[in-house]
All heavy atoms as atom14 arrays in JSON, in Angstrom:
{
  "sequence": "PMISVWDDHESANDSWKEGAQNHQPETEGEWEVRKAAAKRVYREWM",
  "atom14_mask": [
    [1, 1, 1, 1, 1, 1, 1, 0, 0, 0, 0, 0, 0, 0],
    [1, 1, 1, 1, 1, 1, 1, 1, 0, 0, 0, 0, 0, 0],
    [1, 1, 1, 1, 1, 1, 1, 1, 0, 0, 0, 0, 0, 0],
    [1, 1, 1, 1, 1, 1, 0, 0, 0, 0, 0, 0, 0, 0],
    [1, 1, 1, 1, 1, 1, 1, 0, 0, 0, 0, 0, 0, 0],
    [1, 1, 1, 1, 1, 1, 1, 1, 1, 1, 1, 1, 1, 1],
    [1, 1, 1, 1, 1, 1, 1, 1, 0, 0, 0, 0, 0, 0],
    [1, 1, 1, 1, 1, 1, 1, 1, 0, 0, 0, 0, 0, 0],
    [1, 1, 1, 1, 1, 1, 1, 1, 1, 1, 0, 0, 0, 0],
    [1, 1, 1, 1, 1, 1, 1, 1, 1, 0, 0, 0, 0, 0],
    [1, 1, 1, 1, 1, 1, 0, 0, 0, 0, 0, 0, 0, 0],
    [1, 1, 1, 1, 1, 0, 0, 0, 0, 0, 0, 0, 0, 0],
    [1, 1, 1, 1, 1, 1, 1, 1, 0, 0, 0, 0, 0, 0],
    [1, 1, 1, 1, 1, 1, 1, 1, 0, 0, 0, 0, 0, 0],
    [1, 1, 1, 1, 1, 1, 0, 0, 0, 0, 0, 0, 0, 0],
    [1, 1, 1, 1, 1, 1, 1, 1, 1, 1, 1, 1, 1, 1],
    [1, 1, 1, 1, 1, 1, 1, 1, 1, 0, 0, 0, 0, 0],
    [1, 1, 1, 1, 1, 1, 1, 1, 1, 0, 0, 0, 0, 0],
    [1, 1, 1, 1, 0, 0, 0, 0, 0, 0, 0, 0, 0, 0],
    [1, 1, 1, 1, 1, 0, 0, 0, 0, 0, 0, 0, 0, 0],
    [1, 1, 1, 1, 1, 1, 1, 1, 1, 0, 0, 0, 0, 0],
    [1, 1, 1, 1, 1, 1, 1, 1, 0, 0, 0, 0, 0, 0],
    [1, 1, 1, 1, 1, 1, 1, 1, 1, 1, 0, 0, 0, 0],
    [1, 1, 1, 1, 1, 1, 1, 1, 1, 0, 0, 0, 0, 0],
    [1, 1, 1, 1, 1, 1, 1, 0, 0, 0, 0, 0, 0, 0],
    [1, 1, 1, 1, 1, 1, 1, 1, 1, 0, 0, 0, 0, 0],
    [1, 1, 1, 1, 1, 1, 1, 0, 0, 0, 0, 0, 0, 0],
    [1, 1, 1, 1, 1, 1, 1, 1, 1, 0, 0, 0, 0, 0],
    [1, 1, 1, 1, 0, 0, 0, 0, 0, 0, 0, 0, 0, 0],
    [1, 1, 1, 1, 1, 1, 1, 1, 1, 0, 0, 0, 0, 0],
    [1, 1, 1, 1, 1, 1, 1, 1, 1, 1, 1, 1, 1, 1],
    [1, 1, 1, 1, 1, 1, 1, 1, 1, 0, 0, 0, 0, 0],
    [1, 1, 1, 1, 1, 1, 1, 0, 0, 0, 0, 0, 0, 0],
    [1, 1, 1, 1, 1, 1, 1, 1, 1, 1, 1, 0, 0, 0],
    [1, 1, 1, 1, 1, 1, 1, 1, 1, 0, 0, 0, 0, 0],
    [1, 1, 1, 1, 1, 0, 0, 0, 0, 0, 0, 0, 0, 0],
    [1, 1, 1, 1, 1, 0, 0, 0, 0, 0, 0, 0, 0, 0],
    [1, 1, 1, 1, 1, 0, 0, 0, 0, 0, 0, 0, 0, 0],
    [1, 1, 1, 1, 1, 1, 1, 1, 1, 0, 0, 0, 0, 0],
    [1, 1, 1, 1, 1, 1, 1, 1, 1, 1, 1, 0, 0, 0],
    [1, 1, 1, 1, 1, 1, 1, 0, 0, 0, 0, 0, 0, 0],
    [1, 1, 1, 1, 1, 1, 1, 1, 1, 1, 1, 1, 0, 0],
    [1, 1, 1, 1, 1, 1, 1, 1, 1, 1, 1, 0, 0, 0],
    [1, 1, 1, 1, 1, 1, 1, 1, 1, 0, 0, 0, 0, 0],
    [1, 1, 1, 1, 1, 1, 1, 1, 1, 1, 1, 1, 1, 1],
    [1, 1, 1, 1, 1, 1, 1, 1, 0, 0, 0, 0, 0, 0]
  ],
  "atom14_positions": [
    [[146.53, 99.83, 154.09], [146.4, 98.57, 154.83], [145.63, 98.81, 156.13], [145.56, 99.93, 156.64], [147.85, 98.17, 155.11], [148.6, 99.47, 155.1], [147.9, 100.34, 154.09], [0.0, 0.0, 0.0], [0.0, 0.0, 0.0], [0.0, 0.0, 0.0], [0.0, 0.0, 0.0], [0.0, 0.0, 0.0], [0.0, 0.0, 0.0], [0.0, 0.0, 0.0]],
    [[145.06, 97.75, 156.67], [144.29, 97.84, 157.9], [144.69, 96.72, 158.87], [144.86, 95.57, 158.46], [142.79, 97.74, 157.62], [141.91, 97.76, 158.88], [140.13, 97.57, 158.53], [139.74, 99.2, 157.86], [0.0, 0.0, 0.0], [0.0, 0.0, 0.0], [0.0, 0.0, 0.0], [0.0, 0.0, 0.0], [0.0, 0.0, 0.0], [0.0, 0.0, 0.0]],
    [[144.84, 97.07, 160.13], [144.92, 96.11, 161.22], [143.59, 96.18, 161.95], [143.14, 97.27, 162.31], [146.08, 96.42, 162.18], [147.42, 96.24, 161.48], [146.01, 95.55, 163.43], [148.61, 96.7, 162.3], [0.0, 0.0, 0.0], [0.0, 0.0, 0.0], [0.0, 0.0, 0.0], [0.0, 0.0, 0.0], [0.0, 0.0, 0.0], [0.0, 0.0, 0.0]],
    [[142.95, 95.05, 162.15], [141.61, 95.08, 162.74], [141.47, 94.03, 163.83], [142.15, 93.0, 163.83], [140.54, 94.87, 161.67], [140.74, 93.65, 160.99], [0.0, 0.0, 0.0], [0.0, 0.0, 0.0], [0.0, 0.0, 0.0], [0.0, 0.0, 0.0], [0.0, 0.0, 0.0], [0.0, 0.0, 0.0], [0.0, 0.0, 0.0], [0.0, 0.0, 0.0]],
    [[140.58, 94.31, 164.77], [140.23, 93.39, 165.83], [138.7, 93.26, 165.88], [138.0, 94.21, 165.56], [140.75, 93.87, 167.21], [142.26, 93.92, 167.21], [140.17, 95.24, 167.58], [0.0, 0.0, 0.0], [0.0, 0.0, 0.0], [0.0, 0.0, 0.0], [0.0, 0.0, 0.0], [0.0, 0.0, 0.0], [0.0, 0.0, 0.0], [0.0, 0.0, 0.0]],
    [[138.23, 92.08, 166.26], [136.78, 91.97, 166.43], [136.39, 92.43, 167.83], [137.15, 92.3, 168.78], [136.27, 90.56, 166.14], [136.9, 89.46, 166.95], [137.07, 89.39, 168.3], [137.42, 88.24, 166.42], [137.66, 88.21, 168.66], [137.89, 87.48, 167.53], [137.51, 87.7, 165.16], [138.46, 86.22, 167.39], [138.09, 86.45, 165.02], [138.55, 85.72, 166.11]],
    [[135.19, 92.98, 167.95], [134.59, 93.22, 169.25], [133.38, 92.3, 169.35], [133.38, 91.22, 168.77], [134.26, 94.7, 169.43], [134.03, 95.07, 170.89], [134.4, 94.29, 171.78], [133.47, 96.15, 171.16], [0.0, 0.0, 0.0], [0.0, 0.0, 0.0], [0.0, 0.0, 0.0], [0.0, 0.0, 0.0], [0.0, 0.0, 0.0], [0.0, 0.0, 0.0]],
    [[132.31, 92.72, 170.01], [131.22, 91.79, 170.24], [130.29, 91.62, 169.04], [129.84, 90.51, 168.76], [130.41, 92.17, 171.49], [129.93, 93.61, 171.5], [130.51, 94.46, 170.78], [128.99, 93.92, 172.25], [0.0, 0.0, 0.0], [0.0, 0.0, 0.0], [0.0, 0.0, 0.0], [0.0, 0.0, 0.0], [0.0, 0.0, 0.0], [0.0, 0.0, 0.0]],
    [[130.0, 92.68, 168.3], [128.95, 92.57, 167.27], [129.38, 91.75, 166.07], [128.52, 91.36, 165.26], [128.46, 93.96, 166.87], [127.7, 94.63, 167.96], [126.46, 94.2, 168.37], [128.02, 95.68, 168.76], [126.04, 94.97, 169.37], [126.97, 95.87, 169.63], [0.0, 0.0, 0.0], [0.0, 0.0, 0.0], [0.0, 0.0, 0.0], [0.0, 0.0, 0.0]],
    [[130.65, 91.48, 165.92], [131.07, 90.52, 164.9], [130.59, 89.12, 165.23], [130.58, 88.24, 164.36], [132.6, 90.54, 164.74], [133.15, 91.75, 164.03], [133.43, 92.91, 164.97], [133.02, 92.85, 166.15], [134.06, 93.89, 164.54], [0.0, 0.0, 0.0], [0.0, 0.0, 0.0], [0.0, 0.0, 0.0], [0.0, 0.0, 0.0], [0.0, 0.0, 0.0]],
    [[130.2, 88.89, 166.47], [129.59, 87.6, 166.86], [128.18, 87.87, 167.38], [127.2, 87.58, 166.7], [130.44, 86.88, 167.91], [130.77, 87.71, 169.0], [0.0, 0.0, 0.0], [0.0, 0.0, 0.0], [0.0, 0.0, 0.0], [0.0, 0.0, 0.0], [0.0, 0.0, 0.0], [0.0, 0.0, 0.0], [0.0, 0.0, 0.0], [0.0, 0.0, 0.0]],
    [[128.06, 88.45, 168.6], [126.76, 88.81, 169.16], [126.99, 89.79, 170.31], [128.04, 89.77, 170.96], [126.01, 87.58, 169.67], [0.0, 0.0, 0.0], [0.0, 0.0, 0.0], [0.0, 0.0, 0.0], [0.0, 0.0, 0.0], [0.0, 0.0, 0.0], [0.0, 0.0, 0.0], [0.0, 0.0, 0.0], [0.0, 0.0, 0.0], [0.0, 0.0, 0.0]],
    [[126.02, 90.63, 170.57], [126.17, 91.69, 171.57], [126.66, 91.16, 172.92], [126.15, 90.15, 173.42], [124.84, 92.42, 171.77], [124.98, 93.6, 172.73], [125.81, 94.48, 172.52], [124.19, 93.58, 173.79], [0.0, 0.0, 0.0], [0.0, 0.0, 0.0], [0.0, 0.0, 0.0], [0.0, 0.0, 0.0], [0.0, 0.0, 0.0], [0.0, 0.0, 0.0]],
    [[127.62, 91.88, 173.5], [128.18, 91.56, 174.82], [128.62, 90.1, 174.89], [128.34, 89.38, 175.85], [127.18, 91.87, 175.93], [127.08, 93.36, 176.22], [127.81, 94.14, 175.59], [126.27, 93.74, 177.09], [0.0, 0.0, 0.0], [0.0, 0.0, 0.0], [0.0, 0.0, 0.0], [0.0, 0.0, 0.0], [0.0, 0.0, 0.0], [0.0, 0.0, 0.0]],
    [[129.37, 89.69, 173.88], [129.86, 88.32, 173.87], [131.04, 88.17, 174.82], [131.74, 89.13, 175.16], [130.26, 87.89, 172.45], [131.15, 88.82, 171.87], [0.0, 0.0, 0.0], [0.0, 0.0, 0.0], [0.0, 0.0, 0.0], [0.0, 0.0, 0.0], [0.0, 0.0, 0.0], [0.0, 0.0, 0.0], [0.0, 0.0, 0.0], [0.0, 0.0, 0.0]],
    [[131.24, 86.94, 175.27], [132.38, 86.55, 176.07], [132.75, 85.14, 175.64], [132.16, 84.61, 174.69], [132.09, 86.68, 177.58], [130.88, 85.92, 178.07], [129.57, 86.19, 177.79], [130.88, 84.76, 178.92], [128.75, 85.28, 178.42], [129.51, 84.4, 179.12], [131.87, 84.02, 179.54], [129.15, 83.31, 179.9], [131.51, 82.94, 180.33], [130.15, 82.59, 180.51]],
    [[133.73, 84.52, 176.29], [134.25, 83.28, 175.72], [133.23, 82.13, 175.72], [133.31, 81.25, 174.87], [135.52, 82.85, 176.45], [135.34, 82.5, 177.91], [136.66, 82.11, 178.55], [136.51, 81.77, 180.02], [137.81, 81.35, 180.64], [0.0, 0.0, 0.0], [0.0, 0.0, 0.0], [0.0, 0.0, 0.0], [0.0, 0.0, 0.0], [0.0, 0.0, 0.0]],
    [[132.23, 82.18, 176.6], [131.27, 81.07, 176.67], [129.83, 81.47, 176.42], [128.93, 80.69, 176.69], [131.39, 80.39, 178.05], [132.74, 79.74, 178.28], [132.85, 79.1, 179.65], [131.83, 79.05, 180.37], [133.96, 78.66, 180.02], [0.0, 0.0, 0.0], [0.0, 0.0, 0.0], [0.0, 0.0, 0.0], [0.0, 0.0, 0.0], [0.0, 0.0, 0.0]],
    [[129.6, 82.66, 175.88], [128.22, 83.07, 175.62], [128.13, 84.53, 175.2], [129.14, 85.18, 174.93], [0.0, 0.0, 0.0], [0.0, 0.0, 0.0], [0.0, 0.0, 0.0], [0.0, 0.0, 0.0], [0.0, 0.0, 0.0], [0.0, 0.0, 0.0], [0.0, 0.0, 0.0], [0.0, 0.0, 0.0], [0.0, 0.0, 0.0], [0.0, 0.0, 0.0]],
    [[126.91, 85.03, 175.17], [126.67, 86.43, 174.79], [125.28, 86.85, 175.24], [124.36, 86.02, 175.3], [126.78, 86.62, 173.27], [0.0, 0.0, 0.0], [0.0, 0.0, 0.0], [0.0, 0.0, 0.0], [0.0, 0.0, 0.0], [0.0, 0.0, 0.0], [0.0, 0.0, 0.0], [0.0, 0.0, 0.0], [0.0, 0.0, 0.0], [0.0, 0.0, 0.0]],
    [[125.14, 88.12, 175.53], [123.82, 88.64, 175.9], [122.81, 88.38, 174.79], [121.66, 88.04, 175.05], [123.92, 90.14, 176.21], [122.61, 90.82, 176.55], [121.84, 91.29, 175.3], [122.45, 91.6, 174.27], [120.52, 91.31, 175.39], [0.0, 0.0, 0.0], [0.0, 0.0, 0.0], [0.0, 0.0, 0.0], [0.0, 0.0, 0.0], [0.0, 0.0, 0.0]],
    [[123.27, 88.55, 173.54], [122.36, 88.4, 172.4], [122.46, 87.01, 171.76], [122.34, 86.86, 170.55], [122.63, 89.48, 171.35], [121.52, 89.56, 170.32], [120.36, 89.31, 170.62], [121.87, 89.92, 169.1], [0.0, 0.0, 0.0], [0.0, 0.0, 0.0], [0.0, 0.0, 0.0], [0.0, 0.0, 0.0], [0.0, 0.0, 0.0], [0.0, 0.0, 0.0]],
    [[122.68, 86.0, 172.58], [122.61, 84.63, 172.08], [121.73, 83.81, 173.01], [121.99, 83.73, 174.21], [123.99, 83.98, 172.0], [123.93, 82.57, 171.48], [123.71, 82.28, 170.15], [124.02, 81.37, 172.13], [123.68, 80.97, 170.0], [123.86, 80.39, 171.18], [0.0, 0.0, 0.0], [0.0, 0.0, 0.0], [0.0, 0.0, 0.0], [0.0, 0.0, 0.0]],
    [[120.7, 83.21, 172.44], [119.76, 82.38, 173.19], [119.9, 80.93, 172.72], [119.4, 80.56, 171.65], [118.31, 82.87, 172.99], [118.03, 84.23, 173.62], [118.7, 85.4, 172.91], [118.67, 85.5, 171.68], [119.34, 86.27, 173.68], [0.0, 0.0, 0.0], [0.0, 0.0, 0.0], [0.0, 0.0, 0.0], [0.0, 0.0, 0.0], [0.0, 0.0, 0.0]],
    [[120.58, 80.1, 173.5], [120.84, 78.72, 173.06], [119.58, 77.92, 172.76], [119.59, 77.07, 171.86], [121.59, 78.11, 174.26], [122.16, 79.28, 174.98], [121.18, 80.4, 174.8], [0.0, 0.0, 0.0], [0.0, 0.0, 0.0], [0.0, 0.0, 0.0], [0.0, 0.0, 0.0], [0.0, 0.0, 0.0], [0.0, 0.0, 0.0], [0.0, 0.0, 0.0]],
    [[118.49, 78.24, 173.47], [117.27, 77.45, 173.26], [116.67, 77.65, 171.88], [115.95, 76.78, 171.37], [116.24, 77.79, 174.34], [115.78, 79.24, 174.37], [116.69, 80.16, 175.16], [117.81, 79.72, 175.53], [116.29, 81.31, 175.4], [0.0, 0.0, 0.0], [0.0, 0.0, 0.0], [0.0, 0.0, 0.0], [0.0, 0.0, 0.0], [0.0, 0.0, 0.0]],
    [[116.96, 78.79, 171.24], [116.42, 79.04, 169.89], [117.5, 79.22, 168.84], [117.21, 79.1, 167.64], [115.53, 80.3, 169.89], [116.31, 81.42, 170.34], [114.33, 80.11, 170.8], [0.0, 0.0, 0.0], [0.0, 0.0, 0.0], [0.0, 0.0, 0.0], [0.0, 0.0, 0.0], [0.0, 0.0, 0.0], [0.0, 0.0, 0.0], [0.0, 0.0, 0.0]],
    [[118.74, 79.48, 169.25], [119.8, 79.79, 168.29], [120.94, 78.77, 168.31], [121.94, 78.95, 167.62], [120.35, 81.19, 168.55], [119.29, 82.28, 168.29], [119.73, 83.66, 168.74], [120.56, 83.76, 169.68], [119.24, 84.65, 168.15], [0.0, 0.0, 0.0], [0.0, 0.0, 0.0], [0.0, 0.0, 0.0], [0.0, 0.0, 0.0], [0.0, 0.0, 0.0]],
    [[120.77, 77.71, 169.08], [121.76, 76.64, 169.08], [122.92, 76.89, 170.01], [122.93, 77.83, 170.8], [0.0, 0.0, 0.0], [0.0, 0.0, 0.0], [0.0, 0.0, 0.0], [0.0, 0.0, 0.0], [0.0, 0.0, 0.0], [0.0, 0.0, 0.0], [0.0, 0.0, 0.0], [0.0, 0.0, 0.0], [0.0, 0.0, 0.0], [0.0, 0.0, 0.0]],
    [[123.93, 76.05, 169.88], [125.08, 76.13, 170.77], [125.93, 77.37, 170.47], [126.19, 77.69, 169.31], [125.96, 74.88, 170.61], [125.29, 73.59, 171.04], [126.21, 72.39, 170.87], [127.42, 72.62, 170.66], [125.72, 71.26, 170.94], [0.0, 0.0, 0.0], [0.0, 0.0, 0.0], [0.0, 0.0, 0.0], [0.0, 0.0, 0.0], [0.0, 0.0, 0.0]],
    [[126.37, 78.04, 171.53], [127.2, 79.22, 171.37], [128.51, 78.89, 170.65], [128.97, 79.66, 169.8], [127.5, 79.85, 172.72], [128.57, 80.9, 172.67], [129.82, 80.86, 173.23], [128.51, 82.16, 171.97], [130.52, 82.0, 172.93], [129.75, 82.82, 172.16], [127.53, 82.79, 171.2], [130.02, 84.07, 171.62], [127.81, 84.03, 170.65], [129.03, 84.66, 170.86]],
    [[129.12, 77.77, 170.97], [130.39, 77.43, 170.34], [130.28, 77.32, 168.83], [131.21, 77.66, 168.11], [130.94, 76.13, 170.94], [131.47, 76.27, 172.36], [132.6, 77.27, 172.48], [133.47, 77.31, 171.56], [132.62, 78.03, 173.47], [0.0, 0.0, 0.0], [0.0, 0.0, 0.0], [0.0, 0.0, 0.0], [0.0, 0.0, 0.0], [0.0, 0.0, 0.0]],
    [[129.12, 76.85, 168.36], [128.91, 76.74, 166.91], [128.8, 78.13, 166.29], [129.42, 78.42, 165.25], [127.65, 75.91, 166.61], [127.35, 75.92, 165.12], [127.84, 74.48, 167.1], [0.0, 0.0, 0.0], [0.0, 0.0, 0.0], [0.0, 0.0, 0.0], [0.0, 0.0, 0.0], [0.0, 0.0, 0.0], [0.0, 0.0, 0.0], [0.0, 0.0, 0.0]],
    [[128.02, 78.99, 166.94], [127.86, 80.35, 166.41], [129.18, 81.12, 166.48], [129.55, 81.82, 165.53], [126.78, 81.09, 167.2], [126.5, 82.5, 166.68], [125.36, 83.16, 167.44], [125.02, 84.45, 166.87], [124.02, 85.21, 167.31], [123.26, 84.81, 168.32], [123.77, 86.38, 166.73], [0.0, 0.0, 0.0], [0.0, 0.0, 0.0], [0.0, 0.0, 0.0]],
    [[129.89, 81.01, 167.58], [131.17, 81.7, 167.73], [132.15, 81.24, 166.66], [132.86, 82.06, 166.06], [131.74, 81.45, 169.14], [133.04, 82.18, 169.4], [133.5, 82.06, 170.84], [134.0, 80.68, 171.18], [134.66, 80.65, 172.53], [0.0, 0.0, 0.0], [0.0, 0.0, 0.0], [0.0, 0.0, 0.0], [0.0, 0.0, 0.0], [0.0, 0.0, 0.0]],
    [[132.2, 79.94, 166.41], [133.11, 79.41, 165.4], [132.76, 79.95, 164.01], [133.66, 80.28, 163.22], [133.07, 77.88, 165.39], [0.0, 0.0, 0.0], [0.0, 0.0, 0.0], [0.0, 0.0, 0.0], [0.0, 0.0, 0.0], [0.0, 0.0, 0.0], [0.0, 0.0, 0.0], [0.0, 0.0, 0.0], [0.0, 0.0, 0.0], [0.0, 0.0, 0.0]],
    [[131.47, 80.04, 163.72], [131.05, 80.59, 162.42], [131.46, 82.06, 162.3], [131.96, 82.49, 161.26], [129.54, 80.44, 162.26], [0.0, 0.0, 0.0], [0.0, 0.0, 0.0], [0.0, 0.0, 0.0], [0.0, 0.0, 0.0], [0.0, 0.0, 0.0], [0.0, 0.0, 0.0], [0.0, 0.0, 0.0], [0.0, 0.0, 0.0], [0.0, 0.0, 0.0]],
    [[131.23, 82.83, 163.37], [131.56, 84.25, 163.34], [133.06, 84.47, 163.15], [133.49, 85.32, 162.35], [131.1, 84.91, 164.64], [0.0, 0.0, 0.0], [0.0, 0.0, 0.0], [0.0, 0.0, 0.0], [0.0, 0.0, 0.0], [0.0, 0.0, 0.0], [0.0, 0.0, 0.0], [0.0, 0.0, 0.0], [0.0, 0.0, 0.0], [0.0, 0.0, 0.0]],
    [[133.88, 83.68, 163.86], [135.33, 83.82, 163.74], [135.81, 83.39, 162.35], [136.67, 84.05, 161.75], [136.02, 82.99, 164.83], [135.77, 83.53, 166.23], [136.25, 82.58, 167.32], [137.74, 82.55, 167.44], [138.18, 81.79, 168.65], [0.0, 0.0, 0.0], [0.0, 0.0, 0.0], [0.0, 0.0, 0.0], [0.0, 0.0, 0.0], [0.0, 0.0, 0.0]],
    [[135.23, 82.31, 161.84], [135.64, 81.83, 160.52], [135.36, 82.87, 159.44], [136.21, 83.16, 158.59], [134.93, 80.53, 160.2], [135.15, 80.05, 158.77], [134.56, 78.7, 158.51], [134.67, 78.33, 157.11], [134.47, 77.12, 156.62], [134.11, 76.14, 157.45], [134.6, 76.86, 155.32], [0.0, 0.0, 0.0], [0.0, 0.0, 0.0], [0.0, 0.0, 0.0]],
    [[134.15, 83.42, 159.47], [133.77, 84.37, 158.42], [134.58, 85.65, 158.53], [134.98, 86.25, 157.53], [132.27, 84.65, 158.45], [131.88, 85.7, 157.42], [131.5, 83.36, 158.19], [0.0, 0.0, 0.0], [0.0, 0.0, 0.0], [0.0, 0.0, 0.0], [0.0, 0.0, 0.0], [0.0, 0.0, 0.0], [0.0, 0.0, 0.0], [0.0, 0.0, 0.0]],
    [[134.84, 86.11, 159.76], [135.68, 87.28, 159.94], [137.04, 87.06, 159.28], [137.56, 87.93, 158.57], [135.86, 87.55, 161.43], [136.63, 88.8, 161.77], [135.99, 90.03, 161.87], [138.01, 88.75, 162.01], [136.69, 91.18, 162.2], [138.71, 89.9, 162.33], [138.05, 91.12, 162.42], [138.76, 92.26, 162.74], [0.0, 0.0, 0.0], [0.0, 0.0, 0.0]],
    [[137.61, 85.89, 159.5], [138.92, 85.6, 158.93], [138.88, 85.33, 157.44], [139.9, 85.49, 156.75], [139.56, 84.43, 159.69], [139.99, 84.83, 161.1], [140.33, 83.67, 161.97], [140.9, 84.13, 163.26], [140.98, 83.39, 164.34], [140.52, 82.13, 164.32], [141.48, 83.88, 165.46], [0.0, 0.0, 0.0], [0.0, 0.0, 0.0], [0.0, 0.0, 0.0]],
    [[137.72, 84.97, 156.92], [137.57, 84.85, 155.47], [137.54, 86.24, 154.82], [138.23, 86.49, 153.84], [136.27, 84.11, 155.13], [136.29, 82.63, 155.42], [134.93, 81.98, 155.21], [133.91, 82.7, 155.06], [134.88, 80.73, 155.22], [0.0, 0.0, 0.0], [0.0, 0.0, 0.0], [0.0, 0.0, 0.0], [0.0, 0.0, 0.0], [0.0, 0.0, 0.0]],
    [[136.71, 87.12, 155.37], [136.39, 88.39, 154.7], [137.32, 89.54, 155.07], [137.29, 90.58, 154.41], [134.95, 88.77, 155.02], [133.97, 88.12, 154.11], [133.39, 86.9, 154.25], [133.46, 88.67, 152.89], [132.55, 86.64, 153.19], [132.56, 87.72, 152.34], [133.66, 89.86, 152.22], [131.88, 87.93, 151.15], [132.97, 90.09, 151.03], [132.1, 89.12, 150.51]],
    [[138.14, 89.38, 156.1], [139.0, 90.47, 156.53], [140.47, 90.17, 156.2], [140.89, 89.01, 156.23], [138.85, 90.69, 158.04], [137.45, 91.08, 158.46], [136.98, 92.7, 157.84], [138.01, 93.74, 158.86], [0.0, 0.0, 0.0], [0.0, 0.0, 0.0], [0.0, 0.0, 0.0], [0.0, 0.0, 0.0], [0.0, 0.0, 0.0], [0.0, 0.0, 0.0]]
  ]
}
C-alpha cells in the first residue's frame, strides 16, 4: 500500500494556492481551472 501527497509538479512548478511559477494565465487560462483538473486527476489515478 502507499500513502501519497502531491507537491508542485502534480499541478505546476512552484505552485501555491492562487498560482504557480509555471502557470501563465494569459496563455493557459485560469489557475483555479488548472488546479481543479490537477487535483481531480490525482484523486482519480492515485
